[in-house]
Protein backbone atom coordinates (compact mmCIF):
# COMPACT_ATOMS: atom_id res chain seq x y z
CA UNK A 1 0.21 0.12 0.07
CA UNK A 2 1.66 3.05 -0.69
CA UNK A 3 2.14 6.29 1.98
CA UNK A 4 -0.15 9.00 2.01
CA UNK A 5 1.97 12.34 0.07
CA UNK A 6 0.12 14.27 2.52
CA UNK A 7 1.22 13.79 6.15
CA UNK A 8 2.39 15.63 9.36
CA UNK A 9 5.18 17.95 9.11
CA UNK A 10 7.90 19.61 11.83
CA UNK A 11 8.15 22.36 9.04
CA UNK A 12 7.09 25.40 11.65
CA UNK A 13 3.25 27.04 10.42
CA UNK A 14 4.88 30.30 10.92
CA UNK A 15 7.71 29.93 8.60
CA UNK A 16 5.53 28.30 5.78
CA UNK A 17 2.70 31.71 6.26
CA UNK A 18 5.68 34.31 6.23
CA UNK A 19 7.15 32.57 2.86
CA UNK A 20 3.82 33.20 1.32
CA UNK A 21 4.57 35.38 -1.52
CA UNK A 22 1.41 36.97 -2.17
CA UNK A 23 0.80 39.58 0.54
CA UNK A 24 -3.03 39.78 1.02
CA UNK A 25 -2.93 35.67 0.74
CA UNK A 26 -0.54 35.95 3.48
CA UNK A 27 -2.78 37.75 6.09
CA UNK A 28 -5.60 35.87 4.93
CA UNK A 29 -4.15 32.54 5.57
CA UNK A 30 -2.62 34.61 9.47
CA UNK A 31 -6.41 35.27 10.05
CA UNK A 32 -8.00 31.67 8.78
CA UNK A 33 -4.95 29.46 10.84
CA UNK A 34 -6.22 32.46 13.83
CA UNK A 35 -9.78 31.38 13.55
CA UNK A 36 -9.48 27.54 12.89
CA UNK A 37 -7.40 27.97 16.21
CA UNK A 38 -9.80 29.21 18.30
CA UNK A 39 -13.36 27.02 16.90
CA UNK A 40 -10.96 23.40 16.91
CA UNK A 41 -9.10 24.00 19.53
CA UNK A 42 -5.93 22.68 18.34
CA UNK A 43 -2.85 23.20 16.99
CA UNK A 44 -2.14 24.45 13.27
CA UNK A 45 0.18 21.73 11.73
CA UNK A 46 1.79 21.88 8.88
CA UNK A 47 0.55 18.51 6.31
CA UNK A 48 2.75 18.42 3.20
CA UNK A 49 4.67 20.90 1.77
CA UNK A 50 1.93 23.33 1.51
CA UNK A 51 -1.50 22.37 3.84
CA UNK A 52 -2.13 23.31 7.26
CA UNK A 53 -4.20 21.35 9.60
CA UNK A 54 -6.45 21.46 12.59
CA UNK A 55 -6.70 17.84 14.20
CA UNK A 56 -7.23 14.51 12.15
CA UNK A 57 -9.04 11.90 11.78
CA UNK A 58 -8.51 8.07 10.37
CA UNK A 59 -10.18 7.08 7.19
CA UNK A 60 -10.70 3.18 5.53
CA UNK A 61 -12.18 3.00 2.07
CA UNK A 62 -13.95 -0.13 0.68
CA UNK A 63 -10.74 -0.55 -1.56
CA UNK A 64 -8.83 -1.04 2.14
CA UNK A 65 -7.01 2.20 1.48
CA UNK A 66 -6.44 3.73 4.84
CA UNK A 67 -4.37 6.18 6.11
CA UNK A 68 -4.94 9.77 8.17
CA UNK A 69 -6.10 13.61 7.24
CA UNK A 70 -6.14 17.08 8.59
CA UNK A 71 -10.19 16.96 9.73
CA UNK A 72 -10.28 21.25 8.81
CA UNK A 73 -7.31 23.04 7.29
CA UNK A 74 -6.43 24.97 3.98
CA UNK A 75 -3.78 26.07 1.63
CA UNK A 76 -3.43 29.80 1.41
CA UNK A 77 -2.18 28.98 -3.03
CA UNK A 78 -0.79 31.88 -5.47
CA UNK A 79 -4.57 31.94 -6.57
CA UNK A 80 -7.14 31.38 -3.93
CA UNK A 81 -7.20 30.16 -0.39
CA UNK A 82 -8.35 26.53 -0.49
CA UNK A 83 -9.96 25.79 2.13
CA UNK A 84 -10.61 21.74 3.10
CA UNK A 85 -13.20 19.53 5.54
CA UNK A 86 -15.54 22.64 5.52
CA UNK A 87 -18.72 20.53 2.95
CA UNK A 88 -19.33 17.54 4.75
CA UNK A 89 -21.81 18.97 6.71
CA UNK A 90 -25.32 18.91 5.65
CA UNK A 91 -26.17 21.98 6.60
CA UNK A 92 -23.06 23.36 4.68
CA UNK A 93 -24.81 23.78 1.80
CA UNK A 94 -27.13 26.74 2.64
CA UNK A 95 -23.90 27.95 4.50
CA UNK A 96 -22.43 28.22 1.32
CA UNK A 97 -25.30 29.94 -0.14
CA UNK A 98 -24.68 32.91 2.12
CA UNK A 99 -21.05 32.73 2.10
CA UNK A 100 -20.27 34.92 -0.79
CA UNK A 101 -18.59 34.77 -3.42
CA UNK A 102 -16.48 31.10 -3.38
CA UNK A 103 -16.05 27.85 -5.97
CA UNK A 104 -16.40 24.45 -4.80
CA UNK A 105 -14.63 21.24 -5.96
CA UNK A 106 -14.42 17.65 -4.45
CA UNK A 107 -13.81 18.68 -1.23
CA UNK A 108 -12.70 22.09 -1.20
CA UNK A 109 -13.93 25.22 -0.92
CA UNK A 110 -11.77 28.00 -2.81
CA UNK A 111 -12.41 31.83 -2.30
CA UNK A 112 -10.34 34.71 -3.76
CA UNK A 113 -10.06 36.69 0.03
CA UNK A 114 -11.73 36.97 2.85
CA UNK A 115 -12.83 40.35 2.18
CA UNK A 116 -15.37 38.38 -0.54
CA UNK A 117 -17.53 36.43 2.57
CA UNK A 118 -18.88 36.91 5.24
CA UNK A 119 -16.93 35.62 8.11
CA UNK A 120 -19.37 34.68 10.62
CA UNK A 121 -20.65 32.04 7.52
CA UNK A 122 -17.02 30.46 7.29
CA UNK A 123 -16.64 30.60 11.61
CA UNK A 124 -20.06 28.46 11.08
CA UNK A 125 -18.78 26.08 8.20
CA UNK A 126 -15.16 25.29 10.42
CA UNK A 127 -17.17 24.07 13.16
CA UNK A 128 -19.65 22.00 11.18
CA UNK A 129 -16.73 20.73 8.82
CA UNK A 130 -14.57 19.79 12.54
CA UNK A 131 -17.48 18.32 14.35
CA UNK A 132 -18.88 16.19 11.46
CA UNK A 133 -15.76 14.54 10.44
CA UNK A 134 -14.31 14.28 13.72
CA UNK A 135 -16.77 12.58 14.90
CA UNK A 136 -18.83 10.83 12.01
CA UNK A 137 -17.61 7.81 9.99
CA UNK A 138 -14.67 8.74 8.63
CA UNK A 139 -15.79 6.20 5.11
CA UNK A 140 -18.58 8.76 4.52
CA UNK A 141 -15.92 11.27 3.34
CA UNK A 142 -14.99 9.62 -0.24
CA UNK A 143 -14.29 12.13 -2.85
């Protein structure tokens, strides 16, 4: 069985964020770290080279593949902020309608900048996403 490429590392989150070139993306990343830390009660950890995660969960697919992943997290990419674990809760659909300018992918929520969205709605999505993924059967989160 292949080992997961996205695993916790010892890279300091602060050093990673300081290396983000885009100033708005770097500042937004610092804000999201504080939001996720406050809401989850977890300290940020680098997962792989570019994902900042909070908490973790274990998954096992019907195929037999299993591993650990960040419960919620994000990556300050060049073109947007990719947020992970925020769309699994059944209630997330109605919250996404109120979030503001965003896009969704298989298991990701993409925002260009925090100024484009309602931070109170984002906080709810973080809270629901974290609670859902850390209390539900992780097999139900296959993409």
